[in-house]
Amino acid sequence: MKPLTAADPDTGKSAGKHPIQVAVIGAGRTQNGIGPYIAKYFQKKGARVAAVLGASLDSARNAAAALIPYGVKANPYADFETLIREENLEAVVIASPAETHHKYLSQAVAANLHV
């Protein structure tokens, strides 16, 4: 299994230099389990889950703390703009409720992030 690594911006091919840096939006969605599952999946596949975004800072902190036993050491955020400004991300995973997808998708694309 090859780890998920950042692509060379000139060729688009995997540069293989460092794990891709991702944030999971909605990592605290434990009712259906999708948020934690996605964060653990990306970590297992070699990406670095650098941050999680929650509806509140408390929920983001809880989500980040719940991922620590799985080797995920993510910084918690409640504001997408702050997350983008403070983290060196290459991609975001949108696992938040469906009605929020368009907003986060638009913001991620405007920030030149992979979704």
C-alpha atoms as a PDB file:
ATOM      1  CA  MET A   1       0.000   0.000   0.000  1.00  0.00           C
ATOM      2  CA  LYS A   2       1.434   3.350  -1.018  1.00  0.00           C
ATOM      3  CA  PRO A   3       0.873   6.204   1.449  1.00  0.00           C
ATOM      4  CA  LEU A   4      -1.112   9.258   0.406  1.00  0.00           C
ATOM      5  CA  THR A   5       1.553  11.829  -0.412  1.00  0.00           C
ATOM      6  CA  ALA A   6       1.495  15.350  -1.738  1.00  0.00           C
ATOM      7  CA  ALA A   7       1.596  15.827  -5.497  1.00  0.00           C
ATOM      8  CA  ASP A   8       4.252  17.808  -7.307  1.00  0.00           C
ATOM      9  CA  PRO A   9       2.508  21.046  -8.384  1.00  0.00           C
ATOM     10  CA  ASP A  10       4.246  21.010 -11.791  1.00  0.00           C
ATOM     11  CA  THR A  11       3.551  17.415 -12.805  1.00  0.00           C
ATOM     12  CA  GLY A  12       0.562  16.503 -10.641  1.00  0.00           C
ATOM     13  CA  LYS A  13       2.306  13.236  -9.789  1.00  0.00           C
ATOM     14  CA  SER A  14       3.001  12.101  -6.249  1.00  0.00           C
ATOM     15  CA  ALA A  15       6.192  13.725  -5.043  1.00  0.00           C
ATOM     16  CA  GLY A  16       6.465  11.152  -2.259  1.00  0.00           C
ATOM     17  CA  LYS A  17       8.147  13.648   0.035  1.00  0.00           C
ATOM     18  CA  HIS A  18       5.624  14.023   2.813  1.00  0.00           C
ATOM     19  CA  PRO A  19       2.185  12.771   3.768  1.00  0.00           C
ATOM     20  CA  ILE A  20      -0.687  14.810   2.421  1.00  0.00           C
ATOM     21  CA  GLN A  21      -2.026  17.220   5.055  1.00  0.00           C
ATOM     22  CA  VAL A  22      -5.811  16.976   5.450  1.00  0.00           C
ATOM     23  CA  ALA A  23      -8.505  18.373   7.694  1.00  0.00           C
ATOM     24  CA  VAL A  24     -11.724  16.531   8.433  1.00  0.00           C
ATOM     25  CA  ILE A  25     -14.812  18.701   8.598  1.00  0.00           C
ATOM     26  CA  GLY A  26     -17.309  16.941  10.818  1.00  0.00           C
ATOM     27  CA  ALA A  27     -14.872  14.506  12.472  1.00  0.00           C
ATOM     28  CA  GLY A  28     -17.069  14.532  15.557  1.00  0.00           C
ATOM     29  CA  ARG A  29     -20.071  12.989  13.800  1.00  0.00           C
ATOM     30  CA  THR A  30     -20.217  10.003  16.068  1.00  0.00           C
ATOM     31  CA  GLN A  31     -23.936   9.269  15.757  1.00  0.00           C
ATOM     32  CA  ASN A  32     -23.410   7.625  12.381  1.00  0.00           C
ATOM     33  CA  GLY A  33     -19.651   7.148  12.902  1.00  0.00           C
ATOM     34  CA  ILE A  34     -18.664   8.659   9.573  1.00  0.00           C
ATOM     35  CA  GLY A  35     -16.443  11.465  10.893  1.00  0.00           C
ATOM     36  CA  PRO A  36     -14.140   9.355  13.068  1.00  0.00           C
ATOM     37  CA  TYR A  37     -14.107   6.566  10.468  1.00  0.00           C
ATOM     38  CA  ILE A  38     -12.898   8.923   7.744  1.00  0.00           C
ATOM     39  CA  ALA A  39     -10.205  10.466   9.948  1.00  0.00           C
ATOM     40  CA  LYS A  40      -8.902   7.025  10.949  1.00  0.00           C
ATOM     41  CA  TYR A  41      -9.041   5.830   7.323  1.00  0.00           C
ATOM     42  CA  PHE A  42      -6.968   8.728   6.011  1.00  0.00           C
ATOM     43  CA  GLN A  43      -4.441   8.322   8.826  1.00  0.00           C
ATOM     44  CA  LYS A  44      -4.163   4.581   8.143  1.00  0.00           C
ATOM     45  CA  LYS A  45      -3.605   5.220   4.435  1.00  0.00           C
ATOM     46  CA  GLY A  46      -0.644   7.501   5.184  1.00  0.00           C
ATOM     47  CA  ALA A  47      -2.162  10.967   5.193  1.00  0.00           C
ATOM     48  CA  ARG A  48      -1.645  13.294   8.134  1.00  0.00           C
ATOM     49  CA  VAL A  49      -4.937  14.441   9.631  1.00  0.00           C
ATOM     50  CA  ALA A  50      -3.703  17.837  10.790  1.00  0.00           C
ATOM     51  CA  ALA A  51      -6.996  19.316  11.941  1.00  0.00           C
ATOM     52  CA  VAL A  52     -10.654  18.704  12.621  1.00  0.00           C
ATOM     53  CA  LEU A  53     -13.457  21.226  12.282  1.00  0.00           C
ATOM     54  CA  GLY A  54     -16.474  21.023  14.529  1.00  0.00           C
ATOM     55  CA  ALA A  55     -19.702  22.979  14.955  1.00  0.00           C
ATOM     56  CA  SER A  56     -18.190  24.350  18.180  1.00  0.00           C
ATOM     57  CA  LEU A  57     -14.714  24.394  19.655  1.00  0.00           C
ATOM     58  CA  ASP A  58     -15.883  21.955  22.327  1.00  0.00           C
ATOM     59  CA  SER A  59     -17.095  19.450  19.724  1.00  0.00           C
ATOM     60  CA  ALA A  60     -13.867  19.862  17.746  1.00  0.00           C
ATOM     61  CA  ARG A  61     -11.789  19.297  20.890  1.00  0.00           C
ATOM     62  CA  ASN A  62     -13.836  16.196  21.711  1.00  0.00           C
ATOM     63  CA  ALA A  63     -13.384  14.873  18.170  1.00  0.00           C
ATOM     64  CA  ALA A  64      -9.619  15.503  18.280  1.00  0.00           C
ATOM     65  CA  ALA A  65      -9.321  13.823  21.694  1.00  0.00           C
ATOM     66  CA  ALA A  66     -11.317  10.793  20.523  1.00  0.00           C
ATOM     67  CA  LEU A  67      -8.894  10.281  17.618  1.00  0.00           C
ATOM     68  CA  ILE A  68      -5.705  10.294  19.715  1.00  0.00           C
ATOM     69  CA  PRO A  69      -5.902   6.544  20.563  1.00  0.00           C
ATOM     70  CA  TYR A  70      -5.793   5.870  16.802  1.00  0.00           C
ATOM     71  CA  GLY A  71      -2.615   7.879  16.280  1.00  0.00           C
ATOM     72  CA  VAL A  72      -4.410  10.953  14.954  1.00  0.00           C
ATOM     73  CA  LYS A  73      -3.093  14.152  16.530  1.00  0.00           C
ATOM     74  CA  ALA A  74      -5.340  16.787  14.991  1.00  0.00           C
ATOM     75  CA  ASN A  75      -5.723  20.419  16.005  1.00  0.00           C
ATOM     76  CA  PRO A  76      -9.347  21.386  16.794  1.00  0.00           C
ATOM     77  CA  TYR A  77     -11.118  24.304  15.098  1.00  0.00           C
ATOM     78  CA  ALA A  78     -14.620  25.747  15.027  1.00  0.00           C
ATOM     79  CA  ASP A  79     -13.973  28.296  12.269  1.00  0.00           C
ATOM     80  CA  PHE A  80     -13.060  27.232   8.729  1.00  0.00           C
ATOM     81  CA  GLU A  81     -11.259  30.479   7.874  1.00  0.00           C
ATOM     82  CA  THR A  82      -9.028  30.162  10.944  1.00  0.00           C
ATOM     83  CA  LEU A  83      -8.310  26.533  10.117  1.00  0.00           C
ATOM     84  CA  ILE A  84      -7.216  27.456   6.586  1.00  0.00           C
ATOM     85  CA  ARG A  85      -5.075  30.354   7.805  1.00  0.00           C
ATOM     86  CA  GLU A  86      -3.307  28.395  10.550  1.00  0.00           C
ATOM     87  CA  GLU A  87      -2.803  24.959   8.995  1.00  0.00           C
ATOM     88  CA  ASN A  88      -0.710  24.028   5.972  1.00  0.00           C
ATOM     89  CA  LEU A  89      -3.399  21.902   4.329  1.00  0.00           C
ATOM     90  CA  GLU A  90      -3.560  20.319   0.919  1.00  0.00           C
ATOM     91  CA  ALA A  91      -7.030  18.822   1.202  1.00  0.00           C
ATOM     92  CA  VAL A  92     -10.211  18.731   3.245  1.00  0.00           C
ATOM     93  CA  VAL A  93     -12.662  15.903   3.766  1.00  0.00           C
ATOM     94  CA  ILE A  94     -16.260  17.035   4.172  1.00  0.00           C
ATOM     95  CA  ALA A  95     -18.079  14.714   6.578  1.00  0.00           C
ATOM     96  CA  SER A  96     -20.389  17.346   8.029  1.00  0.00           C
ATOM     97  CA  PRO A  97     -24.178  17.273   7.571  1.00  0.00           C
ATOM     98  CA  ALA A  98     -25.271  17.483   3.927  1.00  0.00           C
ATOM     99  CA  GLU A  99     -26.725  20.966   4.241  1.00  0.00           C
ATOM    100  CA  THR A 100     -23.230  22.335   5.004  1.00  0.00           C
ATOM    101  CA  HIS A 101     -21.439  20.703   2.079  1.00  0.00           C
ATOM    102  CA  HIS A 102     -21.893  23.521  -0.452  1.00  0.00           C
ATOM    103  CA  LYS A 103     -20.536  26.146   1.940  1.00  0.00           C
ATOM    104  CA  TYR A 104     -17.425  24.131   2.822  1.00  0.00           C
ATOM    105  CA  LEU A 105     -16.885  22.975  -0.744  1.00  0.00           C
ATOM    106  CA  SER A 106     -16.989  26.566  -2.023  1.00  0.00           C
ATOM    107  CA  GLN A 107     -14.589  27.753   0.682  1.00  0.00           C
ATOM    108  CA  ALA A 108     -12.171  24.885   0.084  1.00  0.00           C
ATOM    109  CA  VAL A 109     -12.095  25.435  -3.668  1.00  0.00           C
ATOM    110  CA  ALA A 110     -11.554  29.180  -3.137  1.00  0.00           C
ATOM    111  CA  ALA A 111      -8.595  28.284  -0.893  1.00  0.00           C
ATOM    112  CA  ASN A 112      -7.147  26.003  -3.634  1.00  0.00           C
ATOM    113  CA  LEU A 113      -7.616  22.863  -1.545  1.00  0.00           C
ATOM    114  CA  HIS A 114      -8.433  19.410  -2.811  1.00  0.00           C
ATOM    115  CA  VAL A 115     -11.788  18.072  -1.618  1.00  0.00           C
END
